[in-house]
Amino acid sequence: MRIATTIFLTDETITPVRIARELEQRGFSGLYLPEHTHIPVERVTPYPVGGELPPEYGRTLDPFVALGQASAVTEHLHLGTGITLIAQHDPIGLAKQVATLDHLSGGRFTLGLGFGWNREEAADHGVEWSARRELGRDRFALMRALWAAEPTAHDGEFGSVKASYAHPKPVLNGAPRTLIGGAAGPKLFAHIAEYADGWLPIGGRGLTESLPVLRRAWEAAGRAPEDLQVVPYAVLPTPGKLAHYADLGIEEVVLQLPPADETGVLKVLDEYAAYL
């Protein structure tokens, strides 16, 4: 099983360059970074896991800039977002960012997509909350049009682009590996089966029950069973938990690191090295 990591990198934590080098030297497979552009002070949306929202949410580095630094100082470390809030992006600009990072890293990028939980953050981006999933679906289709081998137009419900010259292209198959994050449910699974390569289940709970449901939706969409990728995300590991994932056929897991300084992060990395 490949062991990757995720961390809220901020202006107060270990730097992208230092963590990327340390991960590659220790043999970890990847680094995934979350995204929040800002956190409005006046907020009624509750923190999904309960309690007060941790301060790192409002201090998060831009994941594409940080992953660009990580790419420049590594050769084998896989890089990903966990997750890109696609409804909050201009899709033409996002397509360029993704393709550039994938190109410069030699195809090491995984695009983790999500639809968000913070209504106030999304509202400042002009996102109508009830439409965010369909907006994200349409924006990803527009991005794929720009990534196509030949100039391809897209005329969607939420946006359009003329057939265009748009380089660089993602390294493989017209798009980087794309995983969708979120809680199990028929809407999410329909999106995954339609246009993604798999699922980023946050925390990795309940997979025994949810995986068969996702696999049925996947195969009903005409997708090959062996192509489905499920990557438990932001996991706090135990030997039993990782063995359970292996029994389910999972080949990659993303472990949660603390949003700490260099000393604190490296201490946890040394503990997690026991799972490699």
C-alpha atoms as a PDB file:
ATOM      1  CA  MET A   1       0.000   0.000   0.000  1.00  0.00           C
ATOM      2  CA  ARG A   2       1.299   3.434  -0.942  1.00  0.00           C
ATOM      3  CA  ILE A   3       1.445   5.831   2.024  1.00  0.00           C
ATOM      4  CA  ALA A   4       0.949   9.502   1.196  1.00  0.00           C
ATOM      5  CA  THR A   5       0.331  12.451   3.506  1.00  0.00           C
ATOM      6  CA  THR A   6      -1.724  15.599   3.757  1.00  0.00           C
ATOM      7  CA  ILE A   7      -1.159  18.721   5.823  1.00  0.00           C
ATOM      8  CA  PHE A   8      -2.561  22.207   6.226  1.00  0.00           C
ATOM      9  CA  LEU A   9       0.514  24.152   5.168  1.00  0.00           C
ATOM     10  CA  THR A  10       0.305  27.727   6.441  1.00  0.00           C
ATOM     11  CA  ASP A  11       2.536  30.733   7.017  1.00  0.00           C
ATOM     12  CA  GLU A  12       3.311  29.229  10.459  1.00  0.00           C
ATOM     13  CA  THR A  13       4.128  25.605   9.571  1.00  0.00           C
ATOM     14  CA  ILE A  14       6.952  23.670   7.973  1.00  0.00           C
ATOM     15  CA  THR A  15       7.545  24.945   4.439  1.00  0.00           C
ATOM     16  CA  PRO A  16       6.518  23.140   1.224  1.00  0.00           C
ATOM     17  CA  VAL A  17      10.171  22.644   0.223  1.00  0.00           C
ATOM     18  CA  ARG A  18      11.189  21.109   3.547  1.00  0.00           C
ATOM     19  CA  ILE A  19       8.264  18.720   3.843  1.00  0.00           C
ATOM     20  CA  ALA A  20       8.522  17.615   0.213  1.00  0.00           C
ATOM     21  CA  ARG A  21      12.204  16.768   0.584  1.00  0.00           C
ATOM     22  CA  GLU A  22      11.628  14.951   3.868  1.00  0.00           C
ATOM     23  CA  LEU A  23       8.746  12.916   2.451  1.00  0.00           C
ATOM     24  CA  GLU A  24      10.741  11.808  -0.582  1.00  0.00           C
ATOM     25  CA  GLN A  25      13.828  10.961   1.462  1.00  0.00           C
ATOM     26  CA  ARG A  26      11.756   8.811   3.839  1.00  0.00           C
ATOM     27  CA  GLY A  27       9.938   6.951   1.042  1.00  0.00           C
ATOM     28  CA  PHE A  28       6.437   8.361   1.376  1.00  0.00           C
ATOM     29  CA  SER A  29       4.528   8.256  -1.887  1.00  0.00           C
ATOM     30  CA  GLY A  30       2.847  11.644  -2.006  1.00  0.00           C
ATOM     31  CA  LEU A  31       1.847  15.034  -0.630  1.00  0.00           C
ATOM     32  CA  TYR A  32      -1.732  16.310  -0.905  1.00  0.00           C
ATOM     33  CA  LEU A  33      -2.704  19.845   0.082  1.00  0.00           C
ATOM     34  CA  PRO A  34      -6.126  21.323   0.945  1.00  0.00           C
ATOM     35  CA  GLU A  35      -7.566  24.611  -0.254  1.00  0.00           C
ATOM     36  CA  HIS A  36      -9.421  27.496   1.384  1.00  0.00           C
ATOM     37  CA  THR A  37      -9.121  30.937  -0.154  1.00  0.00           C
ATOM     38  CA  HIS A  38     -10.423  32.680   2.965  1.00  0.00           C
ATOM     39  CA  ILE A  39     -12.706  32.083   5.951  1.00  0.00           C
ATOM     40  CA  PRO A  40     -15.310  34.822   6.543  1.00  0.00           C
ATOM     41  CA  VAL A  41     -15.331  35.907  10.176  1.00  0.00           C
ATOM     42  CA  GLU A  42     -19.139  36.050  10.276  1.00  0.00           C
ATOM     43  CA  ARG A  43     -20.034  32.456   9.575  1.00  0.00           C
ATOM     44  CA  VAL A  44     -23.111  30.357  10.308  1.00  0.00           C
ATOM     45  CA  THR A  45     -21.897  27.190   8.568  1.00  0.00           C
ATOM     46  CA  PRO A  46     -20.822  24.734  11.293  1.00  0.00           C
ATOM     47  CA  TYR A  47     -17.445  23.032  11.186  1.00  0.00           C
ATOM     48  CA  PRO A  48     -18.280  19.566   9.791  1.00  0.00           C
ATOM     49  CA  VAL A  49     -16.499  17.602  12.525  1.00  0.00           C
ATOM     50  CA  GLY A  50     -17.927  19.747  15.315  1.00  0.00           C
ATOM     51  CA  GLY A  51     -16.488  22.343  17.678  1.00  0.00           C
ATOM     52  CA  GLU A  52     -14.557  25.454  16.727  1.00  0.00           C
ATOM     53  CA  LEU A  53     -12.973  25.784  13.317  1.00  0.00           C
ATOM     54  CA  PRO A  54      -9.190  25.345  13.708  1.00  0.00           C
ATOM     55  CA  PRO A  55      -7.175  28.486  12.902  1.00  0.00           C
ATOM     56  CA  GLU A  56      -5.181  26.842  10.096  1.00  0.00           C
ATOM     57  CA  TYR A  57      -8.261  26.988   7.833  1.00  0.00           C
ATOM     58  CA  GLY A  58      -7.839  30.740   7.557  1.00  0.00           C
ATOM     59  CA  ARG A  59      -4.065  30.578   7.045  1.00  0.00           C
ATOM     60  CA  THR A  60      -3.832  27.908   4.320  1.00  0.00           C
ATOM     61  CA  LEU A  61      -1.253  28.390   1.572  1.00  0.00           C
ATOM     62  CA  ASP A  62      -2.393  28.291  -2.035  1.00  0.00           C
ATOM     63  CA  PRO A  63      -2.016  24.596  -2.914  1.00  0.00           C
ATOM     64  CA  PHE A  64      -0.843  25.089  -6.501  1.00  0.00           C
ATOM     65  CA  VAL A  65       1.918  27.512  -5.539  1.00  0.00           C
ATOM     66  CA  ALA A  66       3.022  25.246  -2.676  1.00  0.00           C
ATOM     67  CA  LEU A  67       2.911  22.099  -4.822  1.00  0.00           C
ATOM     68  CA  GLY A  68       4.903  23.897  -7.508  1.00  0.00           C
ATOM     69  CA  GLN A  69       7.668  24.410  -4.950  1.00  0.00           C
ATOM     70  CA  ALA A  70       7.395  20.771  -3.868  1.00  0.00           C
ATOM     71  CA  SER A  71       7.635  19.608  -7.469  1.00  0.00           C
ATOM     72  CA  ALA A  72      10.798  21.606  -8.071  1.00  0.00           C
ATOM     73  CA  VAL A  73      12.744  19.900  -5.248  1.00  0.00           C
ATOM     74  CA  THR A  74      11.572  16.294  -5.773  1.00  0.00           C
ATOM     75  CA  GLU A  75      11.749  13.703  -8.521  1.00  0.00           C
ATOM     76  CA  HIS A  76       9.371  10.924  -7.517  1.00  0.00           C
ATOM     77  CA  LEU A  77       6.976  12.341  -4.909  1.00  0.00           C
ATOM     78  CA  HIS A  78       3.395  12.401  -6.158  1.00  0.00           C
ATOM     79  CA  LEU A  79       1.545  15.686  -5.670  1.00  0.00           C
ATOM     80  CA  GLY A  80      -2.159  16.304  -5.216  1.00  0.00           C
ATOM     81  CA  THR A  81      -4.904  18.578  -4.001  1.00  0.00           C
ATOM     82  CA  GLY A  82      -7.239  17.427  -1.316  1.00  0.00           C
ATOM     83  CA  ILE A  83      -9.314  19.108  -2.317  1.00  0.00           C
ATOM     84  CA  THR A  84      -9.580  21.813  -5.000  1.00  0.00           C
ATOM     85  CA  LEU A  85     -12.851  23.691  -4.503  1.00  0.00           C
ATOM     86  CA  ILE A  86     -13.724  23.639  -8.177  1.00  0.00           C
ATOM     87  CA  ALA A  87     -16.873  25.770  -7.971  1.00  0.00           C
ATOM     88  CA  GLN A  88     -14.783  28.643  -6.579  1.00  0.00           C
ATOM     89  CA  HIS A  89     -12.420  28.760  -9.579  1.00  0.00           C
ATOM     90  CA  ASP A  90     -12.495  30.248 -13.024  1.00  0.00           C
ATOM     91  CA  PRO A  91     -12.246  26.983 -14.998  1.00  0.00           C
ATOM     92  CA  ILE A  92     -10.059  28.382 -17.781  1.00  0.00           C
ATOM     93  CA  GLY A  93      -7.473  29.589 -15.288  1.00  0.00           C
ATOM     94  CA  LEU A  94      -7.734  26.390 -13.232  1.00  0.00           C
ATOM     95  CA  ALA A  95      -7.229  24.246 -16.335  1.00  0.00           C
ATOM     96  CA  LYS A  96      -3.995  26.143 -17.026  1.00  0.00           C
ATOM     97  CA  GLN A  97      -2.763  25.764 -13.433  1.00  0.00           C
ATOM     98  CA  VAL A  98      -3.474  22.035 -13.362  1.00  0.00           C
ATOM     99  CA  ALA A  99      -1.923  21.328 -16.756  1.00  0.00           C
ATOM    100  CA  THR A 100       1.164  23.399 -15.944  1.00  0.00           C
ATOM    101  CA  LEU A 101       1.788  21.654 -12.620  1.00  0.00           C
ATOM    102  CA  ASP A 102       1.217  18.228 -14.159  1.00  0.00           C
ATOM    103  CA  HIS A 103       3.553  19.063 -17.046  1.00  0.00           C
ATOM    104  CA  LEU A 104       6.327  20.483 -14.883  1.00  0.00           C
ATOM    105  CA  SER A 105       6.160  17.560 -12.448  1.00  0.00           C
ATOM    106  CA  GLY A 106       6.293  14.956 -15.202  1.00  0.00           C
ATOM    107  CA  GLY A 107       2.747  13.703 -14.668  1.00  0.00           C
ATOM    108  CA  ARG A 108       2.963  13.395 -10.880  1.00  0.00           C
ATOM    109  CA  PHE A 109      -0.185  15.407 -10.150  1.00  0.00           C
ATOM    110  CA  THR A 110      -3.529  14.136  -8.843  1.00  0.00           C
ATOM    111  CA  LEU A 111      -6.455  16.557  -8.997  1.00  0.00           C
ATOM    112  CA  GLY A 112      -8.619  16.065  -5.948  1.00  0.00           C
ATOM    113  CA  LEU A 113     -11.925  17.843  -6.482  1.00  0.00           C
ATOM    114  CA  GLY A 114     -14.641  18.775  -4.031  1.00  0.00           C
ATOM    115  CA  PHE A 115     -17.723  20.926  -3.687  1.00  0.00           C
ATOM    116  CA  GLY A 116     -17.041  22.483  -0.306  1.00  0.00           C
ATOM    117  CA  TRP A 117     -18.805  22.804   3.040  1.00  0.00           C
ATOM    118  CA  ASN A 118     -18.422  26.513   3.888  1.00  0.00           C
ATOM    119  CA  ARG A 119     -21.373  28.407   2.421  1.00  0.00           C
ATOM    120  CA  GLU A 120     -19.975  31.823   3.281  1.00  0.00           C
ATOM    121  CA  GLU A 121     -16.660  31.169   1.546  1.00  0.00           C
ATOM    122  CA  ALA A 122     -18.451  29.898  -1.571  1.00  0.00           C
ATOM    123  CA  ALA A 123     -20.880  32.827  -1.568  1.00  0.00           C
ATOM    124  CA  ASP A 124     -18.013  35.305  -1.774  1.00  0.00           C
ATOM    125  CA  HIS A 125     -17.009  33.528  -4.990  1.00  0.00           C
ATOM    126  CA  GLY A 126     -20.507  33.997  -6.386  1.00  0.00           C
ATOM    127  CA  VAL A 127     -21.454  30.331  -5.960  1.00  0.00           C
ATOM    128  CA  GLU A 128     -25.121  29.471  -5.569  1.00  0.00           C
ATOM    129  CA  TRP A 129     -24.907  26.763  -2.923  1.00  0.00           C
ATOM    130  CA  SER A 130     -27.635  24.472  -4.253  1.00  0.00           C
ATOM    131  CA  ALA A 131     -26.022  24.451  -7.703  1.00  0.00           C
ATOM    132  CA  ARG A 132     -22.415  23.915  -6.659  1.00  0.00           C
ATOM    133  CA  ARG A 133     -22.228  20.243  -7.685  1.00  0.00           C
ATOM    134  CA  GLU A 134     -23.615  20.827 -11.161  1.00  0.00           C
ATOM    135  CA  LEU A 135     -21.463  23.938 -11.472  1.00  0.00           C
ATOM    136  CA  GLY A 136     -18.387  21.864 -10.615  1.00  0.00           C
ATOM    137  CA  ARG A 137     -19.372  19.165 -13.094  1.00  0.00           C
ATOM    138  CA  ASP A 138     -19.769  21.732 -15.878  1.00  0.00           C
ATOM    139  CA  ARG A 139     -16.494  23.465 -15.028  1.00  0.00           C
ATOM    140  CA  PHE A 140     -14.608  20.190 -15.148  1.00  0.00           C
ATOM    141  CA  ALA A 141     -16.100  19.422 -18.563  1.00  0.00           C
ATOM    142  CA  LEU A 142     -14.892  22.826 -19.760  1.00  0.00           C
ATOM    143  CA  MET A 143     -11.423  22.075 -18.410  1.00  0.00           C
ATOM    144  CA  ARG A 144     -11.333  18.770 -20.251  1.00  0.00           C
ATOM    145  CA  ALA A 145     -12.211  20.565 -23.462  1.00  0.00           C
ATOM    146  CA  LEU A 146      -9.133  22.754 -23.005  1.00  0.00           C
ATOM    147  CA  TRP A 147      -7.008  19.689 -22.266  1.00  0.00           C
ATOM    148  CA  ALA A 148      -8.172  17.844 -25.400  1.00  0.00           C
ATOM    149  CA  ALA A 149      -5.551  16.966 -28.010  1.00  0.00           C
ATOM    150  CA  GLU A 150      -7.275  19.097 -30.650  1.00  0.00           C
ATOM    151  CA  PRO A 151      -8.996  22.487 -30.138  1.00  0.00           C
ATOM    152  CA  THR A 152     -12.387  21.646 -28.645  1.00  0.00           C
ATOM    153  CA  ALA A 153     -15.288  23.907 -27.720  1.00  0.00           C
ATOM    154  CA  HIS A 154     -17.497  23.571 -24.656  1.00  0.00           C
ATOM    155  CA  ASP A 155     -20.943  25.111 -24.345  1.00  0.00           C
ATOM    156  CA  GLY A 156     -22.328  24.269 -20.925  1.00  0.00           C
ATOM    157  CA  GLU A 157     -25.058  25.371 -18.573  1.00  0.00           C
ATOM    158  CA  PHE A 158     -22.677  27.511 -16.505  1.00  0.00           C
ATOM    159  CA  GLY A 159     -19.934  28.458 -18.924  1.00  0.00           C
ATOM    160  CA  SER A 160     -18.451  28.051 -22.344  1.00  0.00           C
ATOM    161  CA  VAL A 161     -15.141  28.242 -24.151  1.00  0.00           C
ATOM    162  CA  LYS A 162     -14.402  28.433 -27.838  1.00  0.00           C
ATOM    163  CA  ALA A 163     -12.180  25.845 -29.497  1.00  0.00           C
ATOM    164  CA  SER A 164      -8.763  27.086 -28.419  1.00  0.00           C
ATOM    165  CA  TYR A 165      -5.047  26.477 -28.467  1.00  0.00           C
ATOM    166  CA  ALA A 166      -4.262  25.649 -24.845  1.00  0.00           C
ATOM    167  CA  HIS A 167      -0.902  24.210 -23.848  1.00  0.00           C
ATOM    168  CA  PRO A 168       0.640  22.538 -21.969  1.00  0.00           C
ATOM    169  CA  LYS A 169      -1.555  19.449 -21.770  1.00  0.00           C
ATOM    170  CA  PRO A 170      -1.755  17.031 -18.840  1.00  0.00           C
ATOM    171  CA  VAL A 171       0.757  14.244 -19.343  1.00  0.00           C
ATOM    172  CA  LEU A 172      -1.582  11.237 -19.537  1.00  0.00           C
ATOM    173  CA  ASN A 173      -4.981  10.488 -21.072  1.00  0.00           C
ATOM    174  CA  GLY A 174      -6.207  14.042 -21.551  1.00  0.00           C
ATOM    175  CA  ALA A 175      -6.505  14.764 -17.822  1.00  0.00           C
ATOM    176  CA  PRO A 176      -4.542  14.109 -14.646  1.00  0.00           C
ATOM    177  CA  ARG A 177      -5.798  11.438 -12.279  1.00  0.00           C
ATOM    178  CA  THR A 178      -8.957  12.963 -10.834  1.00  0.00           C
ATOM    179  CA  LEU A 179     -10.509  11.940  -7.507  1.00  0.00           C
ATOM    180  CA  ILE A 180     -13.614  13.473  -5.935  1.00  0.00           C
ATOM    181  CA  GLY A 181     -13.815  14.010  -2.197  1.00  0.00           C
ATOM    182  CA  GLY A 182     -16.900  14.031  -0.041  1.00  0.00           C
ATOM    183  CA  ALA A 183     -19.289  11.976   2.046  1.00  0.00           C
ATOM    184  CA  ALA A 184     -20.810   8.813   0.621  1.00  0.00           C
ATOM    185  CA  GLY A 185     -24.115   9.288  -1.164  1.00  0.00           C
ATOM    186  CA  PRO A 186     -25.872   8.744  -4.484  1.00  0.00           C
ATOM    187  CA  LYS A 187     -25.164  12.243  -5.848  1.00  0.00           C
ATOM    188  CA  LEU A 188     -21.459  12.058  -5.099  1.00  0.00           C
ATOM    189  CA  PHE A 189     -21.165   8.518  -6.453  1.00  0.00           C
ATOM    190  CA  ALA A 190     -22.961   9.528  -9.657  1.00  0.00           C
ATOM    191  CA  HIS A 191     -20.417  12.300 -10.230  1.00  0.00           C
ATOM    192  CA  ILE A 192     -17.506   9.955  -9.541  1.00  0.00           C
ATOM    193  CA  ALA A 193     -18.845   7.322 -11.931  1.00  0.00           C
ATOM    194  CA  GLU A 194     -19.497   9.893 -14.650  1.00  0.00           C
ATOM    195  CA  TYR A 195     -16.238  11.811 -14.894  1.00  0.00           C
ATOM    196  CA  ALA A 196     -13.640  10.930 -12.240  1.00  0.00           C
ATOM    197  CA  ASP A 197     -11.131   8.165 -11.611  1.00  0.00           C
ATOM    198  CA  GLY A 198     -12.212   7.516  -8.053  1.00  0.00           C
ATOM    199  CA  TRP A 199     -13.080   8.718  -4.572  1.00  0.00           C
ATOM    200  CA  LEU A 200     -11.284  10.489  -1.712  1.00  0.00           C
ATOM    201  CA  PRO A 201     -13.358   9.444   1.334  1.00  0.00           C
ATOM    202  CA  ILE A 202     -12.467  11.912   4.074  1.00  0.00           C
ATOM    203  CA  GLY A 203     -11.377  10.062   7.205  1.00  0.00           C
ATOM    204  CA  GLY A 204     -11.956   6.676   5.595  1.00  0.00           C
ATOM    205  CA  ARG A 205     -14.843   5.561   7.798  1.00  0.00           C
ATOM    206  CA  GLY A 206     -17.650   3.258   6.739  1.00  0.00           C
ATOM    207  CA  LEU A 207     -15.946   1.887   3.648  1.00  0.00           C
ATOM    208  CA  THR A 208     -17.188  -1.654   4.203  1.00  0.00           C
ATOM    209  CA  GLU A 209     -20.736  -0.425   3.599  1.00  0.00           C
ATOM    210  CA  SER A 210     -20.112   2.351   1.060  1.00  0.00           C
ATOM    211  CA  LEU A 211     -17.636   0.688  -1.297  1.00  0.00           C
ATOM    212  CA  PRO A 212     -20.112  -1.852  -2.706  1.00  0.00           C
ATOM    213  CA  VAL A 213     -22.583   0.978  -3.384  1.00  0.00           C
ATOM    214  CA  LEU A 214     -19.943   3.009  -5.227  1.00  0.00           C
ATOM    215  CA  ARG A 215     -18.852  -0.031  -7.215  1.00  0.00           C
ATOM    216  CA  ARG A 216     -22.423  -0.668  -8.354  1.00  0.00           C
ATOM    217  CA  ALA A 217     -22.789   2.952  -9.498  1.00  0.00           C
ATOM    218  CA  TRP A 218     -19.399   2.767 -11.217  1.00  0.00           C
ATOM    219  CA  GLU A 219     -20.200  -0.406 -13.151  1.00  0.00           C
ATOM    220  CA  ALA A 220     -23.717   0.797 -14.002  1.00  0.00           C
ATOM    221  CA  ALA A 221     -22.044   3.763 -15.724  1.00  0.00           C
ATOM    222  CA  GLY A 222     -20.110   1.350 -17.906  1.00  0.00           C
ATOM    223  CA  ARG A 223     -16.799   1.807 -16.116  1.00  0.00           C
ATOM    224  CA  ALA A 224     -14.365  -1.104 -15.788  1.00  0.00           C
ATOM    225  CA  PRO A 225     -14.303  -2.389 -12.177  1.00  0.00           C
ATOM    226  CA  GLU A 226     -10.504  -2.506 -12.054  1.00  0.00           C
ATOM    227  CA  ASP A 227     -10.243   1.187 -12.949  1.00  0.00           C
ATOM    228  CA  LEU A 228     -11.948   2.465  -9.785  1.00  0.00           C
ATOM    229  CA  GLN A 229      -9.508   4.058  -7.325  1.00  0.00           C
ATOM    230  CA  VAL A 230     -10.472   4.687  -3.705  1.00  0.00           C
ATOM    231  CA  VAL A 231      -7.977   6.625  -1.599  1.00  0.00           C
ATOM    232  CA  PRO A 232      -8.912   7.127   2.088  1.00  0.00           C
ATOM    233  CA  TYR A 233      -7.920  10.686   2.936  1.00  0.00           C
ATOM    234  CA  ALA A 234      -6.804  12.522   6.092  1.00  0.00           C
ATOM    235  CA  VAL A 235      -6.540   9.243   7.979  1.00  0.00           C
ATOM    236  CA  LEU A 236      -5.101   8.901  11.472  1.00  0.00           C
ATOM    237  CA  PRO A 237      -3.447   5.506  11.110  1.00  0.00           C
ATOM    238  CA  THR A 238      -3.408   2.345  13.163  1.00  0.00           C
ATOM    239  CA  PRO A 239      -2.064  -1.032  12.034  1.00  0.00           C
ATOM    240  CA  GLY A 240      -5.558  -2.501  12.133  1.00  0.00           C
ATOM    241  CA  LYS A 241      -7.054   0.308  10.077  1.00  0.00           C
ATOM    242  CA  LEU A 242      -4.468   0.004   7.322  1.00  0.00           C
ATOM    243  CA  ALA A 243      -4.830  -3.784   7.273  1.00  0.00           C
ATOM    244  CA  HIS A 244      -8.587  -3.324   6.866  1.00  0.00           C
ATOM    245  CA  TYR A 245      -8.055  -1.015   3.900  1.00  0.00           C
ATOM    246  CA  ALA A 246      -5.726  -3.568   2.329  1.00  0.00           C
ATOM    247  CA  ASP A 247      -8.391  -6.262   2.753  1.00  0.00           C
ATOM    248  CA  LEU A 248     -10.804  -3.990   0.842  1.00  0.00           C
ATOM    249  CA  GLY A 249      -8.358  -3.805  -2.064  1.00  0.00           C
ATOM    250  CA  ILE A 250      -7.239  -0.227  -1.392  1.00  0.00           C
ATOM    251  CA  GLU A 251      -3.775   0.535  -2.750  1.00  0.00           C
ATOM    252  CA  GLU A 252      -3.158   4.070  -1.426  1.00  0.00           C
ATOM    253  CA  VAL A 253      -3.954   5.923   1.778  1.00  0.00           C
ATOM    254  CA  VAL A 254      -3.316   9.555   2.731  1.00  0.00           C
ATOM    255  CA  LEU A 255      -2.296  10.128   6.357  1.00  0.00           C
ATOM    256  CA  GLN A 256      -3.043  13.372   8.195  1.00  0.00           C
ATOM    257  CA  LEU A 257      -0.092  15.384   9.479  1.00  0.00           C
ATOM    258  CA  PRO A 258      -0.465  18.143  12.096  1.00  0.00           C
ATOM    259  CA  PRO A 259      -0.243  21.808  10.971  1.00  0.00           C
ATOM    260  CA  ALA A 260       2.927  22.185  12.995  1.00  0.00           C
ATOM    261  CA  ASP A 261       6.399  23.622  12.677  1.00  0.00           C
ATOM    262  CA  GLU A 262       9.272  21.602  11.257  1.00  0.00           C
ATOM    263  CA  THR A 263      10.127  19.864  14.524  1.00  0.00           C
ATOM    264  CA  GLY A 264       6.548  18.779  15.156  1.00  0.00           C
ATOM    265  CA  VAL A 265       5.901  17.546  11.614  1.00  0.00           C
ATOM    266  CA  LEU A 266       9.154  15.576  11.368  1.00  0.00           C
ATOM    267  CA  LYS A 267       8.415  13.873  14.687  1.00  0.00           C
ATOM    268  CA  VAL A 268       5.097  12.600  13.325  1.00  0.00           C
ATOM    269  CA  LEU A 269       6.685  11.630  10.002  1.00  0.00           C
ATOM    270  CA  ASP A 270       9.140   9.467  11.916  1.00  0.00           C
ATOM    271  CA  GLU A 271       6.210   7.771  13.673  1.00  0.00           C
ATOM    272  CA  TYR A 272       4.338   7.252  10.385  1.00  0.00           C
ATOM    273  CA  ALA A 273       7.476   5.746   8.788  1.00  0.00           C
ATOM    274  CA  ALA A 274       6.645   2.551  10.663  1.00  0.00           C
ATOM    275  CA  TYR A 275       3.773   2.013   8.199  1.00  0.00           C
ATOM    276  CA  LEU A 276       5.959   2.196   5.094  1.00  0.00           C
END
